[in-house]
């Protein structure tokens, strides 16, 4: 069986009056109202913490994706330059009967 613990809270008069108004609106006992308020507060804090972790994770992934994109475009550029160099240096037979080879340079 779980043991209940007693909690004493000091409130300003303004906050105490607002608390009493909220009790009247909810028609709950003080004990029940405070329990629910504490549970809601803890759940909300957990959600905020989880959202902050997710935000941090998404920012980390954004940096990783940026690095991968930069690597990919650099790799693509190198391969494209190599391909264009090979094209510009390819030997093609001449149109005359001697079948001499000539080089075409792409501009």
Protein backbone atom coordinates (compact mmCIF):
# COMPACT_ATOMS: atom_id res chain seq x y z
CA UNK A 1 0.00 0.00 0.00
CA UNK A 2 1.40 3.39 -0.95
CA UNK A 3 1.91 5.99 1.71
CA UNK A 4 0.54 9.47 1.28
CA UNK A 5 2.78 12.42 2.03
CA UNK A 6 1.64 15.74 3.35
CA UNK A 7 2.59 18.89 1.47
CA UNK A 8 2.49 22.39 2.90
CA UNK A 9 2.50 25.30 0.45
CA UNK A 10 2.78 29.00 1.19
CA UNK A 11 0.82 31.18 -1.24
CA UNK A 12 0.51 34.92 -1.59
CA UNK A 13 -2.93 36.26 -0.79
CA UNK A 14 -3.60 37.00 -4.46
CA UNK A 15 -2.65 33.50 -5.55
CA UNK A 16 -4.64 32.01 -2.66
CA UNK A 17 -7.75 33.94 -3.77
CA UNK A 18 -7.29 32.79 -7.39
CA UNK A 19 -6.86 29.23 -6.15
CA UNK A 20 -10.14 29.43 -4.22
CA UNK A 21 -11.94 30.84 -7.29
CA UNK A 22 -10.62 27.96 -9.39
CA UNK A 23 -11.82 25.51 -6.75
CA UNK A 24 -15.31 26.98 -6.91
CA UNK A 25 -15.38 26.72 -10.72
CA UNK A 26 -14.19 23.10 -10.73
CA UNK A 27 -16.24 22.05 -7.73
CA UNK A 28 -13.41 19.91 -6.41
CA UNK A 29 -11.85 19.38 -3.05
CA UNK A 30 -8.55 21.17 -2.42
CA UNK A 31 -6.62 17.93 -2.15
CA UNK A 32 -7.99 16.58 -5.44
CA UNK A 33 -7.46 19.91 -7.22
CA UNK A 34 -3.82 20.17 -6.08
CA UNK A 35 -3.10 16.53 -7.03
CA UNK A 36 -4.46 17.12 -10.55
CA UNK A 37 -2.55 20.38 -10.87
CA UNK A 38 0.73 18.69 -9.88
CA UNK A 39 0.11 15.78 -12.27
CA UNK A 40 -0.68 18.17 -15.13
CA UNK A 41 2.41 20.24 -14.38
CA UNK A 42 4.68 17.17 -14.36
CA UNK A 43 3.15 15.82 -17.61
CA UNK A 44 3.54 19.20 -19.30
CA UNK A 45 7.18 19.43 -18.19
CA UNK A 46 7.82 15.97 -19.61
CA UNK A 47 6.26 17.00 -22.94
CA UNK A 48 8.36 20.16 -23.09
CA UNK A 49 11.52 18.17 -22.32
CA UNK A 50 10.64 15.64 -25.03
CA UNK A 51 9.98 18.42 -27.55
CA UNK A 52 13.33 20.03 -26.74
CA UNK A 53 15.08 16.68 -27.27
CA UNK A 54 13.27 16.24 -30.59
CA UNK A 55 14.18 19.77 -31.67
CA UNK A 56 17.81 19.11 -30.83
CA UNK A 57 17.70 15.83 -32.77
CA UNK A 58 16.16 17.50 -35.81
CA UNK A 59 18.83 20.22 -35.73
CA UNK A 60 21.54 17.55 -35.54
CA UNK A 61 19.97 15.71 -38.49
CA UNK A 62 19.77 18.97 -40.45
CA UNK A 63 23.53 19.42 -40.05
CA UNK A 64 24.17 15.81 -41.07
CA UNK A 65 21.91 16.21 -44.14
CA UNK A 66 23.71 19.42 -45.10
CA UNK A 67 27.08 17.67 -44.87
CA UNK A 68 25.80 14.78 -47.00
CA UNK A 69 24.40 17.17 -49.61
CA UNK A 70 27.66 19.09 -49.77
CA UNK A 71 29.60 15.85 -50.10
CA UNK A 72 27.23 14.68 -52.82
CA UNK A 73 27.44 17.89 -54.87
CA UNK A 74 31.23 17.95 -54.55
CA UNK A 75 31.43 14.32 -55.64
CA UNK A 76 29.03 14.99 -58.51
CA UNK A 77 31.09 17.99 -59.64
CA UNK A 78 34.30 15.96 -59.63
CA UNK A 79 32.68 13.14 -61.62
CA UNK A 80 31.15 15.61 -64.07
CA UNK A 81 34.51 17.32 -64.63
CA UNK A 82 36.17 13.95 -65.15
CA UNK A 83 33.45 12.90 -67.60
CA UNK A 84 33.70 16.15 -69.57
CA UNK A 85 37.49 15.82 -69.68
CA UNK A 86 37.16 12.31 -71.07
CA UNK A 87 34.67 13.53 -73.67
CA UNK A 88 36.89 16.39 -74.73
CA UNK A 89 39.85 14.08 -75.20
CA UNK A 90 38.11 11.25 -77.04
CA UNK A 91 39.55 10.14 -80.35
CA UNK A 92 37.22 9.91 -83.30
CA UNK A 93 38.03 8.60 -86.77
CA UNK A 94 38.52 11.22 -89.47
CA UNK A 95 36.05 11.36 -92.31
CA UNK A 96 38.69 10.74 -94.96
CA UNK A 97 39.81 7.38 -96.24
CA UNK A 98 42.98 7.23 -94.17
CA UNK A 99 40.87 6.84 -91.02
CA UNK A 100 43.23 9.06 -89.11
CA UNK A 101 42.07 9.99 -85.69
CA UNK A 102 41.37 13.55 -84.70
CA UNK A 103 40.52 15.08 -81.35
CA UNK A 104 37.33 16.99 -80.69
CA UNK A 105 37.42 19.60 -77.98
CA UNK A 106 34.14 20.61 -76.41
CA UNK A 107 33.72 24.28 -75.78
